[in-house]
């Protein structure tokens, strides 16, 4: 059985304008020749209480539910070798050569049934419903600056790390003077944008067109540990000023790795009450990274994707995604586009293959606590293959993540595609021709002008 594929409309254009919306002219205090590669994930690969980094007992569920991007290989008993042999059609990675896993605590909307006349207004915990947010877009943004020493090197084979907004140094550097921010952005008159921003995790009660979480991981490595036997954090450190080109602290000063900034986006944010699966609704955020890059490929990109002084300010933190193949204006072809991206692993397959518990809609309380609840199902495969998955029978499926409905005719232009207005200096308009809607963006980024016309 072939794994279902979501029909893909180039997300590069959608994300291009999004990546430059906050402090595009923020200045680094050292270095100053930043380059950036953006990897655009149209949707997650799975939502499950699994943690391939932390799991020391592979029969135990992780502390909380995670949302994964990349290979559908998300069992806690996943190894580096497993990631290396994942076929592209079983990974949501936009490029064949990168089968890394990225994951963060899942996001839930929390509602309370106040219509129940028997509810105790002083204790409504029994009336709560937690609905998982699945219409997420994400981009791991890679940054490096080869104008400073030590020069940036690729993540070594088997490398993994956990980055937390509570880590020492995470409160310095970044786009707004810190490496963590959330923002709620509303579009005005189809072209202007107003964003309310916080330097911590904050789920606002008000609705907005786009709610964004961005957090950047540390870049200084001790050169020894891969993150597989320690606490998965202490082998990494932020620079002394928190910036990509900053000086690394003692014990970490000989090895500099690319910065990964994970950018997660909820489209058409409804407002209300939200929280992470870990229980946090304010302050704390973290994400995990398990390196799955084809050996030598990331180093090739780091060494050969260069700073363009005529297209950006010296010291700019948020340059265009020039290192991303397929972006208009990029002349690089380091990577092979993945033209067979699958849908996310369905909940039925998660419950059959990994852990038998509901995580999509949960009442009373979320699954929480390491080794609590159902046990992890023993891994039944040595290599990920399409016949493991039972959900979906049709290729090229349009999927409406707001309603959960699908349109199995890939050529039907009435199929749903989620499109929203841009987040930076962009003009946008909607044109309706019969039953076909066309949204047009015209955006200028540095010396590059982009016209994106997407059929919806």
Protein backbone atom coordinates (compact mmCIF):
# COMPACT_ATOMS: atom_id res chain seq x y z
CA UNK A 1 0.00 0.00 0.00
CA UNK A 2 1.29 3.40 -0.91
CA UNK A 3 1.43 6.06 1.74
CA UNK A 4 -0.92 9.02 1.06
CA UNK A 5 0.68 12.20 -0.17
CA UNK A 6 -0.61 15.70 0.44
CA UNK A 7 -0.56 17.78 -2.73
CA UNK A 8 2.07 20.42 -2.11
CA UNK A 9 1.94 24.04 -3.21
CA UNK A 10 5.33 25.65 -2.85
CA UNK A 11 5.53 26.65 0.78
CA UNK A 12 8.80 28.44 0.07
CA UNK A 13 6.92 31.55 -1.01
CA UNK A 14 4.60 31.39 1.98
CA UNK A 15 7.44 31.19 4.44
CA UNK A 16 9.75 33.62 2.70
CA UNK A 17 7.78 36.66 3.73
CA UNK A 18 7.17 35.21 7.19
CA UNK A 19 10.83 34.86 8.11
CA UNK A 20 11.67 38.53 7.82
CA UNK A 21 8.90 40.09 9.82
CA UNK A 22 10.63 40.74 13.14
CA UNK A 23 13.58 43.08 13.40
CA UNK A 24 14.96 42.39 9.96
CA UNK A 25 17.66 44.94 10.65
CA UNK A 26 18.69 43.61 14.09
CA UNK A 27 22.44 43.92 14.44
CA UNK A 28 24.93 41.37 15.72
CA UNK A 29 27.66 42.93 17.82
CA UNK A 30 30.37 40.70 16.34
CA UNK A 31 30.90 38.86 13.08
CA UNK A 32 28.31 40.42 10.85
CA UNK A 33 28.13 38.10 7.84
CA UNK A 34 25.09 35.99 8.67
CA UNK A 35 23.69 33.48 6.20
CA UNK A 36 20.46 31.54 6.63
CA UNK A 37 18.84 28.37 5.35
CA UNK A 38 15.12 27.83 5.96
CA UNK A 39 13.56 24.37 5.85
CA UNK A 40 9.80 24.67 5.38
CA UNK A 41 7.62 21.90 6.81
CA UNK A 42 4.03 22.13 5.60
CA UNK A 43 2.78 19.95 8.46
CA UNK A 44 3.99 17.71 11.30
CA UNK A 45 4.88 14.05 10.87
CA UNK A 46 3.24 12.75 14.08
CA UNK A 47 1.83 13.60 17.52
CA UNK A 48 2.72 11.01 20.15
CA UNK A 49 4.00 10.59 23.71
CA UNK A 50 7.40 9.43 22.54
CA UNK A 51 10.90 10.85 23.00
CA UNK A 52 13.74 9.23 20.99
CA UNK A 53 16.31 11.31 22.92
CA UNK A 54 15.28 10.89 26.54
CA UNK A 55 14.08 7.30 26.46
CA UNK A 56 16.33 5.08 28.58
CA UNK A 57 13.54 2.55 29.03
CA UNK A 58 11.88 2.07 25.65
CA UNK A 59 8.83 0.49 27.27
CA UNK A 60 7.97 3.81 28.97
CA UNK A 61 5.94 6.68 27.56
CA UNK A 62 7.57 10.11 27.66
CA UNK A 63 6.44 12.77 30.11
CA UNK A 64 4.15 14.53 27.62
CA UNK A 65 2.87 14.45 24.05
CA UNK A 66 5.23 15.72 21.36
CA UNK A 67 4.66 17.08 17.87
CA UNK A 68 7.29 15.83 15.41
CA UNK A 69 8.58 17.10 12.06
CA UNK A 70 10.60 14.95 9.68
CA UNK A 71 10.59 11.15 9.35
CA UNK A 72 7.57 9.15 10.48
CA UNK A 73 10.17 7.17 12.44
CA UNK A 74 9.18 8.52 15.88
CA UNK A 75 9.21 5.41 18.09
CA UNK A 76 11.29 5.98 21.27
CA UNK A 77 13.54 3.14 20.10
CA UNK A 78 14.68 5.20 17.08
CA UNK A 79 18.42 5.33 16.33
CA UNK A 80 20.61 7.46 14.08
CA UNK A 81 20.90 4.47 11.72
CA UNK A 82 17.10 4.30 11.54
CA UNK A 83 16.90 7.93 10.44
CA UNK A 84 19.59 7.40 7.82
CA UNK A 85 17.54 4.71 6.06
CA UNK A 86 14.14 6.44 6.07
CA UNK A 87 12.85 6.78 2.48
CA UNK A 88 11.80 10.34 1.49
CA UNK A 89 8.19 9.28 0.93
CA UNK A 90 7.95 8.50 4.66
CA UNK A 91 9.25 11.86 5.83
CA UNK A 92 7.77 15.36 5.91
CA UNK A 93 11.23 16.82 5.35
CA UNK A 94 11.20 19.10 2.30
CA UNK A 95 14.62 17.79 1.23
CA UNK A 96 15.85 14.25 0.72
CA UNK A 97 19.28 14.75 2.31
CA UNK A 98 17.88 15.90 5.68
CA UNK A 99 16.09 13.22 7.70
CA UNK A 100 16.58 14.95 11.03
CA UNK A 101 13.84 14.87 13.64
CA UNK A 102 12.63 18.05 15.34
CA UNK A 103 9.96 17.99 18.03
CA UNK A 104 8.33 20.16 20.70
CA UNK A 105 5.54 19.77 23.26
CA UNK A 106 2.20 19.55 21.48
CA UNK A 107 -0.13 22.55 21.65
CA UNK A 108 -3.69 22.18 23.00
CA UNK A 109 -6.72 24.42 23.02
CA UNK A 110 -8.45 24.20 26.39
CA UNK A 111 -12.21 24.66 26.68
CA UNK A 112 -14.59 24.34 29.61
CA UNK A 113 -18.21 23.22 29.36
CA UNK A 114 -19.99 25.90 31.36
CA UNK A 115 -23.43 24.74 30.16
CA UNK A 116 -23.43 21.80 32.57
CA UNK A 117 -25.67 22.88 35.43
CA UNK A 118 -23.85 20.49 37.76
CA UNK A 119 -20.45 22.04 37.20
CA UNK A 120 -18.70 23.43 40.26
CA UNK A 121 -17.48 26.86 39.20
CA UNK A 122 -14.77 26.67 41.85
CA UNK A 123 -13.36 23.43 40.41
CA UNK A 124 -13.92 22.99 36.71
CA UNK A 125 -11.01 20.61 36.08
CA UNK A 126 -13.43 17.73 35.40
CA UNK A 127 -15.14 19.76 32.68
CA UNK A 128 -12.06 20.63 30.62
CA UNK A 129 -11.57 19.45 27.06
CA UNK A 130 -8.09 19.52 25.50
CA UNK A 131 -8.10 19.65 21.69
CA UNK A 132 -4.76 19.20 19.99
CA UNK A 133 -3.73 21.86 17.48
CA UNK A 134 -2.60 20.03 14.36
CA UNK A 135 -2.69 22.75 11.67
CA UNK A 136 0.90 23.74 12.35
CA UNK A 137 3.60 24.94 9.99
CA UNK A 138 7.22 24.89 11.07
CA UNK A 139 10.61 25.93 9.82
CA UNK A 140 13.94 24.98 11.38
CA UNK A 141 16.00 28.01 10.34
CA UNK A 142 19.76 27.36 10.20
CA UNK A 143 22.11 30.32 10.71
CA UNK A 144 25.87 30.62 10.73
CA UNK A 145 28.53 33.28 10.29
CA UNK A 146 31.88 32.19 8.88
CA UNK A 147 33.49 35.58 9.42
CA UNK A 148 34.37 34.54 13.00
CA UNK A 149 36.41 31.75 14.53
CA UNK A 150 36.02 28.94 15.13
CA UNK A 151 34.31 28.41 11.79
CA UNK A 152 30.99 26.65 11.86
CA UNK A 153 31.03 22.87 11.50
CA UNK A 154 28.16 20.48 10.78
CA UNK A 155 26.43 18.45 13.46
CA UNK A 156 28.33 15.17 13.85
CA UNK A 157 26.64 11.83 13.09
CA UNK A 158 24.38 10.75 15.95
CA UNK A 159 24.25 14.22 17.49
CA UNK A 160 21.18 15.22 19.49
CA UNK A 161 20.22 18.00 21.87
CA UNK A 162 17.41 19.55 23.88
CA UNK A 163 17.21 23.35 23.89
CA UNK A 164 15.16 25.12 26.54
CA UNK A 165 14.15 28.74 26.99
CA UNK A 166 15.27 28.40 30.61
CA UNK A 167 18.85 27.50 29.63
CA UNK A 168 21.63 29.86 30.64
CA UNK A 169 22.21 32.42 27.88
CA UNK A 170 18.90 31.91 26.09
CA UNK A 171 17.73 35.34 27.30
CA UNK A 172 20.36 37.16 25.22
CA UNK A 173 20.88 37.64 21.46
CA UNK A 174 18.34 36.58 18.87
CA UNK A 175 15.95 38.77 16.92
CA UNK A 176 14.82 41.05 19.73
CA UNK A 177 17.62 40.75 22.23
CA UNK A 178 16.56 37.26 23.33
CA UNK A 179 16.46 33.87 21.67
CA UNK A 180 12.81 33.17 22.52
CA UNK A 181 9.74 35.09 21.42
CA UNK A 182 6.08 34.60 20.66
CA UNK A 183 3.94 36.96 18.64
CA UNK A 184 0.31 37.37 17.64
CA UNK A 185 0.00 39.14 14.28
CA UNK A 186 -3.07 40.75 12.71
CA UNK A 187 -3.23 41.97 9.13
CA UNK A 188 -4.73 45.39 8.47
CA UNK A 189 -6.11 46.45 5.07
CA UNK A 190 -4.56 43.41 3.46
CA UNK A 191 -1.01 44.76 3.59
CA UNK A 192 -0.06 46.19 7.00
CA UNK A 193 0.68 43.99 9.97
CA UNK A 194 0.42 44.61 13.69
CA UNK A 195 2.18 42.14 16.01
CA UNK A 196 2.06 41.94 19.77
CA UNK A 197 5.27 40.28 20.94
CA UNK A 198 6.49 38.61 24.13
CA UNK A 199 10.01 37.42 25.03
CA UNK A 200 8.60 34.20 26.50
CA UNK A 201 5.90 31.65 25.75
CA UNK A 202 2.54 33.42 25.83
CA UNK A 203 -0.77 32.21 24.42
CA UNK A 204 -2.87 35.38 24.11
CA UNK A 205 -6.61 35.29 24.71
CA UNK A 206 -7.29 37.48 21.67
CA UNK A 207 -7.56 36.06 18.17
CA UNK A 208 -5.10 36.97 15.42
CA UNK A 209 -4.29 35.93 11.89
CA UNK A 210 -1.04 34.22 12.80
CA UNK A 211 0.37 33.11 16.14
CA UNK A 212 4.09 32.36 16.03
CA UNK A 213 6.57 30.73 18.40
CA UNK A 214 10.29 31.12 17.69
CA UNK A 215 13.14 29.75 19.77
CA UNK A 216 16.85 29.47 18.88
CA UNK A 217 19.12 26.74 20.24
CA UNK A 218 22.71 27.19 21.49
CA UNK A 219 25.64 26.87 19.07
CA UNK A 220 28.76 26.14 21.17
CA UNK A 221 29.67 22.44 21.45
CA UNK A 222 32.14 20.78 23.82
CA UNK A 223 33.44 18.69 20.92
CA UNK A 224 33.07 15.40 22.79
CA UNK A 225 29.52 14.40 23.72
CA UNK A 226 26.83 13.66 21.16
CA UNK A 227 23.96 14.13 23.61
CA UNK A 228 23.18 10.42 23.70
CA UNK A 229 24.53 9.57 27.15
CA UNK A 230 24.48 12.82 29.15
CA UNK A 231 21.49 15.01 30.05
CA UNK A 232 21.21 15.90 26.33
CA UNK A 233 21.86 19.57 27.15
CA UNK A 234 25.17 20.10 28.95
CA UNK A 235 27.29 19.36 25.84
CA UNK A 236 25.95 22.62 24.37
CA UNK A 237 26.14 26.26 25.50
CA UNK A 238 25.03 29.66 24.24
CA UNK A 239 27.64 32.23 23.26
CA UNK A 240 28.51 34.76 25.94
CA UNK A 241 26.25 37.38 24.38
CA UNK A 242 23.66 34.89 23.09
CA UNK A 243 24.34 35.80 19.45
CA UNK A 244 25.28 33.47 16.62
CA UNK A 245 28.72 35.01 16.07
CA UNK A 246 29.41 35.64 19.75
CA UNK A 247 32.33 34.24 21.74
CA UNK A 248 31.86 30.74 23.12
CA UNK A 249 32.48 30.13 26.84
CA UNK A 250 35.42 28.15 28.25
CA UNK A 251 35.16 24.47 27.48
CA UNK A 252 33.12 25.16 24.35
CA UNK A 253 35.34 27.62 22.50
CA UNK A 254 36.80 25.25 19.89
CA UNK A 255 33.60 24.04 18.22
CA UNK A 256 30.79 26.13 16.77
CA UNK A 257 27.69 24.48 15.26
CA UNK A 258 24.89 26.09 13.20
CA UNK A 259 22.14 27.78 15.14
CA UNK A 260 18.75 26.12 14.73
CA UNK A 261 15.83 28.45 15.30
CA UNK A 262 12.58 26.48 15.35
CA UNK A 263 9.73 28.65 14.07
CA UNK A 264 6.23 27.22 14.69
CA UNK A 265 3.11 28.86 13.36
CA UNK A 266 -0.66 28.51 14.04
CA UNK A 267 -2.71 29.92 11.19
CA UNK A 268 -5.97 31.74 11.96
CA UNK A 269 -5.37 31.63 15.70
CA UNK A 270 -8.76 31.65 17.43
CA UNK A 271 -7.66 33.00 20.79
CA UNK A 272 -8.95 31.66 24.08
CA UNK A 273 -7.03 29.33 26.36
CA UNK A 274 -4.10 27.24 25.15
CA UNK A 275 -1.30 25.30 26.77
CA UNK A 276 1.54 22.96 25.93
CA UNK A 277 1.21 19.24 26.57
CA UNK A 278 3.90 19.69 29.24
CA UNK A 279 1.46 21.87 31.20
CA UNK A 280 3.07 25.21 30.40
CA UNK A 281 0.98 28.09 29.10
CA UNK A 282 3.41 30.86 30.03
CA UNK A 283 7.16 31.30 30.10
CA UNK A 284 8.76 27.94 29.22
CA UNK A 285 9.33 26.33 25.81
CA UNK A 286 11.75 23.72 24.53
CA UNK A 287 12.46 21.64 21.46
CA UNK A 288 14.53 18.56 20.65
CA UNK A 289 16.79 17.90 17.67
CA UNK A 290 18.08 14.51 16.48
CA UNK A 291 20.57 14.92 13.63
CA UNK A 292 19.64 13.01 10.49
CA UNK A 293 21.62 14.91 7.86
CA UNK A 294 23.32 12.90 5.14
CA UNK A 295 26.98 12.89 6.13
CA UNK A 296 28.95 15.68 4.48
CA UNK A 297 25.92 17.47 3.04
CA UNK A 298 25.39 20.09 5.75
CA UNK A 299 29.11 20.88 5.84
CA UNK A 300 29.04 21.39 2.07
CA UNK A 301 26.24 23.93 2.51
CA UNK A 302 28.00 25.72 5.38
CA UNK A 303 31.24 26.00 3.43
CA UNK A 304 29.75 27.08 0.12
CA UNK A 305 26.69 29.19 0.87
CA UNK A 306 28.21 32.64 1.22
CA UNK A 307 27.28 36.06 2.59
CA UNK A 308 25.88 38.46 0.01
CA UNK A 309 26.84 41.95 1.09
CA UNK A 310 24.85 43.58 -1.69
CA UNK A 311 21.58 41.97 -0.54
CA UNK A 312 21.63 42.58 3.21
CA UNK A 313 23.02 44.82 5.89
CA UNK A 314 26.27 43.80 7.58
CA UNK A 315 25.32 42.30 10.93
CA UNK A 316 21.73 41.55 9.95
CA UNK A 317 20.28 38.67 11.99
CA UNK A 318 17.45 37.83 9.63
CA UNK A 319 18.79 37.80 6.06
CA UNK A 320 16.86 36.23 3.17
CA UNK A 321 16.82 32.42 3.02
CA UNK A 322 19.40 32.47 0.23
CA UNK A 323 20.86 29.08 1.20
CA UNK A 324 17.51 27.33 0.63
CA UNK A 325 17.31 25.69 -2.81
CA UNK A 326 14.08 26.49 -4.61
CA UNK A 327 13.73 29.97 -3.16
CA UNK A 328 13.50 32.58 -5.90
CA UNK A 329 16.81 34.41 -5.89
CA UNK A 330 18.75 31.43 -4.59
CA UNK A 331 21.36 30.08 -6.99
CA UNK A 332 22.15 27.02 -4.90
CA UNK A 333 21.20 23.43 -5.63
CA UNK A 334 22.79 21.63 -2.69
CA UNK A 335 19.63 19.69 -1.83
CA UNK A 336 17.12 17.48 -3.63
CA UNK A 337 13.47 18.50 -3.12
CA UNK A 338 11.27 15.82 -1.59
CA UNK A 339 8.38 15.51 -4.03
CA UNK A 340 6.70 12.67 -2.10
CA UNK A 341 5.99 14.20 1.30
CA UNK A 342 3.39 12.05 3.15
CA UNK A 343 0.56 13.14 5.39
CA UNK A 344 1.17 13.06 9.11
CA UNK A 345 0.95 9.66 10.75
CA UNK A 346 -2.72 9.27 11.70
CA UNK A 347 -3.73 8.76 15.31
CA UNK A 348 -4.96 5.23 14.59
CA UNK A 349 -1.49 4.21 13.37
CA UNK A 350 0.16 5.91 16.34
CA UNK A 351 -2.07 3.91 18.71
CA UNK A 352 -1.38 0.67 16.85
CA UNK A 353 2.38 1.07 16.39
CA UNK A 354 3.68 3.15 19.32
CA UNK A 355 1.29 3.75 22.24
CA UNK A 356 -2.42 3.08 22.59
CA UNK A 357 -3.75 6.33 23.99
CA UNK A 358 -5.82 9.21 22.64
CA UNK A 359 -4.01 12.54 22.21
CA UNK A 360 -6.23 14.40 19.73
CA UNK A 361 -9.20 15.23 21.99
CA UNK A 362 -8.81 14.52 25.70
CA UNK A 363 -11.16 15.31 28.58
CA UNK A 364 -10.34 16.07 32.23
CA UNK A 365 -6.53 15.99 31.93
CA UNK A 366 -3.78 15.42 29.37
CA UNK A 367 -1.59 12.29 29.32
CA UNK A 368 1.29 13.35 31.55
CA UNK A 369 4.11 11.75 33.48
CA UNK A 370 7.07 9.63 32.38
CA UNK A 371 6.24 5.92 32.45
CA UNK A 372 2.64 6.73 33.36
CA UNK A 373 -0.30 5.37 31.39
CA UNK A 374 -0.15 2.69 28.69
CA UNK A 375 3.23 1.10 27.93
CA UNK A 376 5.10 1.72 24.71
CA UNK A 377 4.41 -0.96 22.12
CA UNK A 378 7.56 -2.86 21.19
CA UNK A 379 8.96 -1.73 17.87
CA UNK A 380 7.93 -4.24 15.21
CA UNK A 381 10.08 -3.05 12.29
CA UNK A 382 13.77 -2.78 11.48
CA UNK A 383 13.24 -0.39 8.60
CA UNK A 384 10.37 2.02 8.05
CA UNK A 385 8.19 0.93 5.10
CA UNK A 386 4.88 2.21 3.72
CA UNK A 387 3.03 -1.04 4.46
CA UNK A 388 3.31 -0.31 8.19
CA UNK A 389 0.67 2.38 7.83
CA UNK A 390 -3.01 1.65 7.40
CA UNK A 391 -4.58 5.12 7.19
CA UNK A 392 -5.48 6.58 3.79
CA UNK A 393 -5.73 4.77 0.49
CA UNK A 394 -5.34 7.57 -2.08
CA UNK A 395 -2.30 9.45 -3.31
CA UNK A 396 -2.31 13.23 -3.79
CA UNK A 397 -4.84 14.11 -1.12
CA UNK A 398 -5.91 17.66 -0.38
CA UNK A 399 -6.31 17.87 3.38
CA UNK A 400 -8.30 20.53 5.21
CA UNK A 401 -6.64 20.72 8.60
CA UNK A 402 -9.30 23.06 9.98
CA UNK A 403 -12.20 20.67 9.31
CA UNK A 404 -10.38 17.37 8.90
CA UNK A 405 -12.07 16.77 5.54
CA UNK A 406 -10.24 15.65 2.43
CA UNK A 407 -10.65 15.94 -1.31
CA UNK A 408 -9.25 12.93 -3.11
CA UNK A 409 -9.11 14.58 -6.54
CA UNK A 410 -5.70 16.21 -6.76
CA UNK A 411 -6.74 18.06 -9.90
CA UNK A 412 -9.82 19.65 -8.33
CA UNK A 413 -9.02 23.32 -7.93
CA UNK A 414 -11.79 23.57 -5.34
CA UNK A 415 -9.62 21.51 -2.98
CA UNK A 416 -8.67 23.35 0.21
CA UNK A 417 -5.26 24.92 0.64
CA UNK A 418 -4.56 27.02 3.71
CA UNK A 419 -3.28 30.44 2.67
CA UNK A 420 -3.03 33.56 4.80
CA UNK A 421 -1.74 37.07 4.20
CA UNK A 422 1.97 37.78 4.59
CA UNK A 423 3.80 39.13 7.59
CA UNK A 424 6.18 41.72 6.21
CA UNK A 425 6.39 44.50 3.60
CA UNK A 426 4.16 42.71 1.15
CA UNK A 427 1.18 43.60 -0.96
CA UNK A 428 -1.54 40.99 -1.18
CA UNK A 429 -4.84 40.60 -2.95
CA UNK A 430 -7.50 38.01 -3.65
CA UNK A 431 -8.91 37.42 -7.11
CA UNK A 432 -11.93 35.18 -7.70
CA UNK A 433 -12.47 33.62 -11.12
CA UNK A 434 -15.55 31.45 -10.98
CA UNK A 435 -14.84 28.82 -8.34
CA UNK A 436 -11.09 29.45 -8.45
CA UNK A 437 -9.51 31.82 -5.96
CA UNK A 438 -6.08 33.20 -6.65
CA UNK A 439 -4.09 35.01 -4.00
CA UNK A 440 -1.29 37.22 -5.24
CA UNK A 441 1.71 38.41 -3.24
CA UNK A 442 4.24 40.92 -4.40
CA UNK A 443 7.07 41.26 -1.95
CA UNK A 444 10.46 42.87 -1.98
CA UNK A 445 13.25 41.40 0.10
CA UNK A 446 16.48 43.30 -0.31
CA UNK A 447 17.26 43.40 -4.01
CA UNK A 448 14.95 40.49 -4.77
CA UNK A 449 11.34 41.05 -5.83
CA UNK A 450 9.04 38.05 -5.72
CA UNK A 451 5.65 37.53 -7.30
CA UNK A 452 3.85 34.46 -5.99
CA UNK A 453 0.53 33.42 -7.47
CA UNK A 454 -1.06 30.43 -5.78
CA UNK A 455 -4.25 28.76 -6.90
CA UNK A 456 -6.55 27.84 -4.04
